Each structure stands twice: as structure tokens, then as C-alpha cells.
Protein backbone atom coordinates (compact mmCIF):
# COMPACT_ATOMS: atom_id res chain seq x y z
CA UNK A 1 -144.01 81.83 -161.10
CA UNK A 2 -140.76 80.85 -159.66
CA UNK A 3 -140.82 78.85 -156.49
CA UNK A 4 -138.84 80.49 -153.52
CA UNK A 5 -135.43 78.72 -153.16
CA UNK A 6 -135.10 76.74 -150.02
CA UNK A 7 -132.27 77.87 -147.62
CA UNK A 8 -129.10 76.12 -148.10
CA UNK A 9 -126.49 76.01 -145.33
CA UNK A 10 -123.20 77.47 -146.34
CA UNK A 11 -121.60 74.03 -146.12
CA UNK A 12 -122.87 70.52 -146.05
CA UNK A 13 -122.36 68.35 -142.95
CA UNK A 14 -122.78 71.27 -140.71
CA UNK A 15 -124.73 69.23 -138.11
CA UNK A 16 -122.11 66.65 -137.89
CA UNK A 17 -119.31 69.37 -137.55
CA UNK A 18 -121.39 71.09 -134.71
CA UNK A 19 -121.85 67.69 -132.91
CA UNK A 20 -118.04 67.13 -133.16
CA UNK A 21 -117.31 70.60 -131.69
CA UNK A 22 -119.79 70.15 -128.88
CA UNK A 23 -118.23 66.74 -127.95
CA UNK A 24 -114.80 68.31 -127.89
CA UNK A 25 -116.13 71.11 -125.65
CA UNK A 26 -117.64 68.74 -123.31
CA UNK A 27 -114.51 66.66 -123.08
CA UNK A 28 -112.49 69.72 -122.34
CA UNK A 29 -114.86 70.66 -119.53
CA UNK A 30 -114.44 67.26 -117.78
CA UNK A 31 -112.89 67.45 -114.31
CA UNK A 32 -109.78 65.41 -113.42
CA UNK A 33 -110.65 62.27 -111.37
CA UNK A 34 -109.74 62.53 -107.78
CA UNK A 35 -106.19 61.64 -106.82
CA UNK A 36 -104.37 61.28 -103.50
CA UNK A 37 -100.91 62.57 -103.78
CA UNK A 38 -98.12 60.62 -102.17
CA UNK A 39 -96.25 63.80 -101.07
CA UNK A 40 -97.49 66.99 -99.45
CA UNK A 41 -99.29 68.99 -102.06
CA UNK A 42 -98.32 72.60 -101.36
CA UNK A 43 -101.53 74.45 -100.76
CA UNK A 44 -100.23 77.65 -102.37
CA UNK A 45 -97.89 76.60 -105.18
CA UNK A 46 -95.28 79.29 -105.67
CA UNK A 47 -92.45 79.91 -108.26
CA UNK A 48 -89.33 77.98 -107.35
CA UNK A 49 -86.22 80.13 -106.94
CA UNK A 50 -84.46 80.46 -110.27
CA UNK A 51 -80.97 79.66 -108.82
CA UNK A 52 -77.71 79.63 -110.86
CA UNK A 53 -75.19 77.02 -109.82
CA UNK A 54 -72.37 75.14 -111.57
CA UNK A 55 -72.47 71.79 -113.35
CA UNK A 56 -69.56 69.96 -114.90
CA UNK A 57 -70.95 71.33 -118.17
CA UNK A 58 -71.22 74.92 -117.10
CA UNK A 59 -73.66 77.16 -115.25
CA UNK A 60 -77.19 75.96 -114.89
CA UNK A 61 -80.28 77.80 -114.04
CA UNK A 62 -83.37 76.05 -112.73
CA UNK A 63 -85.39 77.96 -115.36
CA UNK A 64 -83.36 76.06 -118.05
CA UNK A 65 -85.72 73.19 -117.50
CA UNK A 66 -88.92 75.16 -117.71
CA UNK A 67 -91.50 72.89 -119.56
CA UNK A 68 -90.36 69.80 -117.64
CA UNK A 69 -91.25 68.09 -114.44
CA UNK A 70 -88.28 68.75 -112.34
CA UNK A 71 -87.30 66.95 -109.05
CA UNK A 72 -84.93 69.03 -106.95
CA UNK A 73 -83.05 67.33 -104.07
CA UNK A 74 -80.40 68.74 -101.66
CA UNK A 75 -77.79 66.06 -100.89
CA UNK A 76 -74.13 65.15 -101.23
CA UNK A 77 -71.90 62.52 -102.73
CA UNK A 78 -70.51 61.36 -99.28
CA UNK A 79 -73.98 60.62 -97.90
CA UNK A 80 -73.93 57.18 -96.73
CA UNK A 81 -77.61 56.19 -97.10
CA UNK A 82 -80.42 58.63 -97.73
CA UNK A 83 -79.11 60.35 -100.74
CA UNK A 84 -78.28 57.26 -102.87
CA UNK A 85 -81.59 55.80 -101.83
CA UNK A 86 -83.54 58.81 -102.89
CA UNK A 87 -81.69 59.11 -106.23
CA UNK A 88 -82.29 55.42 -106.86
CA UNK A 89 -86.00 55.98 -106.19
CA UNK A 90 -86.08 58.76 -108.78
CA UNK A 91 -84.19 56.53 -111.21
CA UNK A 92 -86.91 53.91 -110.68
CA UNK A 93 -89.59 56.59 -111.35
CA UNK A 94 -87.94 57.53 -114.54
CA UNK A 95 -87.69 53.93 -115.64
CA UNK A 96 -91.49 53.47 -114.90
CA UNK A 97 -92.38 56.06 -117.47
CA UNK A 98 -92.65 55.78 -121.35
CA UNK A 99 -89.82 57.21 -123.39
CA UNK A 100 -91.90 60.21 -124.23
CA UNK A 101 -92.76 60.93 -120.60
CA UNK A 102 -89.23 60.28 -119.44
CA UNK A 103 -88.24 63.15 -121.74
CA UNK A 104 -90.32 65.51 -119.64
CA UNK A 105 -88.76 64.52 -116.41
CA UNK A 106 -85.40 65.87 -114.97
CA UNK A 107 -83.66 65.35 -111.63
CA UNK A 108 -81.31 67.95 -110.06
CA UNK A 109 -79.33 67.39 -106.84
CA UNK A 110 -77.83 70.55 -105.28
CA UNK A 111 -74.87 69.71 -102.98
CA UNK A 112 -74.98 70.62 -99.30
CA UNK A 113 -71.29 69.81 -99.16
CA UNK A 114 -69.58 72.22 -101.70
CA UNK A 115 -66.34 71.84 -99.87
CA UNK A 116 -65.92 68.27 -101.26
CA UNK A 117 -68.41 68.11 -104.08
CA UNK A 118 -66.95 69.74 -107.11
CA UNK A 119 -69.03 69.92 -110.25
CA UNK A 120 -66.97 67.05 -111.73
CA UNK A 121 -67.39 64.66 -108.77
CA UNK A 122 -71.15 65.44 -108.78
CA UNK A 123 -71.42 64.63 -112.49
CA UNK A 124 -69.60 61.27 -111.93
CA UNK A 125 -71.81 60.47 -108.94
CA UNK A 126 -75.07 61.41 -110.76
CA UNK A 127 -74.06 59.30 -113.94
CA UNK A 128 -74.00 56.38 -111.73
CA UNK A 129 -77.82 56.64 -111.43
CA UNK A 130 -78.77 58.25 -114.78
CA UNK A 131 -76.67 60.14 -117.28
CA UNK A 132 -79.25 62.80 -117.58
CA UNK A 133 -79.44 63.50 -113.89
CA UNK A 134 -77.62 66.84 -113.03
CA UNK A 135 -75.48 67.71 -109.91
CA UNK A 136 -74.89 71.21 -109.07
CA UNK A 137 -72.40 72.92 -106.73
CA UNK A 138 -71.26 76.53 -105.97
CA UNK A 139 -70.38 78.98 -103.26
CA UNK A 140 -72.06 78.44 -99.95
CA UNK A 141 -74.09 81.72 -100.25
CA UNK A 142 -75.47 80.60 -103.57
CA UNK A 143 -76.48 77.19 -102.20
CA UNK A 144 -77.98 78.82 -99.13
CA UNK A 145 -79.97 81.08 -101.47
CA UNK A 146 -81.31 78.06 -103.41
CA UNK A 147 -82.08 76.00 -100.31
CA UNK A 148 -83.81 78.67 -98.16
CA UNK A 149 -87.10 79.14 -100.24
CA UNK A 150 -87.52 75.30 -100.03
CA UNK A 151 -87.26 75.28 -96.34
CA UNK A 152 -84.07 73.10 -96.57
CA UNK A 153 -81.39 73.25 -93.80
CA UNK A 154 -78.06 71.47 -93.56
CA UNK A 155 -75.15 71.54 -91.28
CA UNK A 156 -71.87 69.64 -90.68
CA UNK A 157 -71.52 66.96 -87.98
CA UNK A 158 -68.73 64.81 -86.96
CA UNK A 159 -68.24 61.42 -88.56
CA UNK A 160 -65.97 58.43 -88.19
CA UNK A 161 -62.29 58.58 -89.21
CA UNK A 162 -63.11 56.69 -92.24
CA UNK A 163 -65.97 58.93 -93.58
CA UNK A 164 -64.69 62.26 -92.22
CA UNK A 165 -67.53 64.71 -91.47
CA UNK A 166 -71.05 64.11 -92.33
CA UNK A 167 -73.83 66.70 -93.26
CA UNK A 168 -77.11 66.62 -91.63
CA UNK A 169 -79.62 67.85 -94.02
CA UNK A 170 -83.34 67.97 -94.94
CA UNK A 171 -84.18 64.70 -96.77
CA UNK A 172 -87.29 65.86 -98.67
CA UNK A 173 -87.37 66.23 -102.39
CA UNK A 174 -89.38 68.61 -104.30
CA UNK A 175 -91.48 68.52 -107.67
CA UNK A 176 -91.40 71.51 -109.83
CA UNK A 177 -94.07 71.73 -112.50
CA UNK A 178 -93.58 72.91 -116.03
CA UNK A 179 -94.55 76.47 -115.39
CA UNK A 180 -91.76 76.62 -112.75
CA UNK A 181 -93.94 76.16 -109.62
CA UNK A 182 -92.93 74.11 -106.69
CA UNK A 183 -96.11 71.88 -106.10
CA UNK A 184 -95.24 68.85 -103.98
CA UNK A 185 -92.74 68.02 -101.24
CA UNK A 186 -91.95 64.28 -100.85
CA UNK A 187 -90.41 62.60 -97.86
CA UNK A 188 -87.40 60.53 -98.68
CA UNK A 189 -89.25 57.39 -97.82
CA UNK A 190 -91.80 57.73 -100.62
CA UNK A 191 -91.76 54.68 -103.04
CA UNK A 192 -91.17 54.97 -106.62
CA UNK A 193 -94.44 53.62 -107.51
CA UNK A 194 -96.24 56.38 -105.62
CA UNK A 195 -94.20 59.08 -107.24
CA UNK A 196 -94.76 57.54 -110.67
CA UNK A 197 -98.46 57.53 -110.00
CA UNK A 198 -98.40 61.29 -109.10
CA UNK A 199 -96.31 62.01 -112.17
CA UNK A 200 -98.51 60.08 -114.52
CA UNK A 201 -101.63 61.87 -113.10
CA UNK A 202 -100.01 65.41 -113.58
CA UNK A 203 -98.80 64.67 -117.04
CA UNK A 204 -102.35 63.72 -118.00
CA UNK A 205 -104.35 66.30 -116.18
CA UNK A 206 -101.95 69.03 -115.21
CA UNK A 207 -101.25 70.50 -111.76
């Protein structure tokens, strides 16, 4: 009389594989640790406007940078203080990232002074901070259409004879996540270390 065959699993090591899959599942379910963002976290992130403006290299759409973390700032090259300080802060943020992380970050400055800021002038100005930073100009209506959804305002004001007119403008800068949503607004006084901490967290855990 033949003994009944014992059941054999379809593959050996099934228990180990199940354990590995269970571990991966549990890791995927872990919640991100708490983090206090340096800027104002937008309570209802919304798609950033997909504007089209001109760079020295040609037309640029914000959506061209989908998949990256994009800092958008509205400023101008004749700005005496806030604009260069903000751009230097963002340069320091990029310098604080690894090479791989830095590839996922972009900075765009949209001019609020299209009368003087040509795409070529903007390219030269942005290159002073980082050759990958992008400066954009265009018609006033196009700039207004890009600025309005961010709550950005700007207006000319009289300056000295040496500087000509100045432009009073919103000094915040904004972070767009890889899916194209505006998620954080930063005051211009935010430190590079604080922005870097936010970016590291987002790159690790998502928005």
C-alpha cells in the first residue's frame, strides 16, 4: 500500500518570501515623521498656473519642469536687496543638497519689470547665482496672468536718479511639487537651512 504523498509547496522558501513581502508592506504603511515647515503650508494645494513666458533660450512653460521641485519667485534684476538675497538663499539651498537631489530642484524668477528685463539680461543675472536658474520675461498681460494665481502684486515707484524707478512687489517665493501643485509659500527672510530641511523631508516622504 502506497503512503499518501505529503503536500509540497509549489516553491521552496515560501515562508521567507512571505515574510519579506510582509515587511515591505509594513514599511510602506509607515507614516512620515512630523515636520514643521518653515514656510506657510498651503492648506489646499492647487495646480500652479501653467504660464508661458520667454527665456533667453526660447519659450518656457512651468509644466516643462513637471517632476521637479520648482521654486518660483517674482522679482527683477534692478532690485537693490530682496531679490539678490532671495536668489542667494535658493543657491545655498541647492548647494546643501546631494548632486542627485540638486537635479530635482529648479529655480525660476519671473520678472516684474519687463520694460527693462529682457530675457538676455535675465539670463546673465540668473547665471551669477547658478547657471541652471531660469529667468523669464514677457508681455505685461502674460506676467499678470502668471502672478495673479500666486497672489503676487507689483507696482512701479519712484527711485533715485541713480537707480531710476523701483518696483514694489510681493517678496515671497513659492514651492511647486513634482505633480505641479503649489504647496508652500515662503517669506523672503526664510533661511537656506530651513528651506533645505523642508526639501529633504519632501524628497524623502513626499508632499
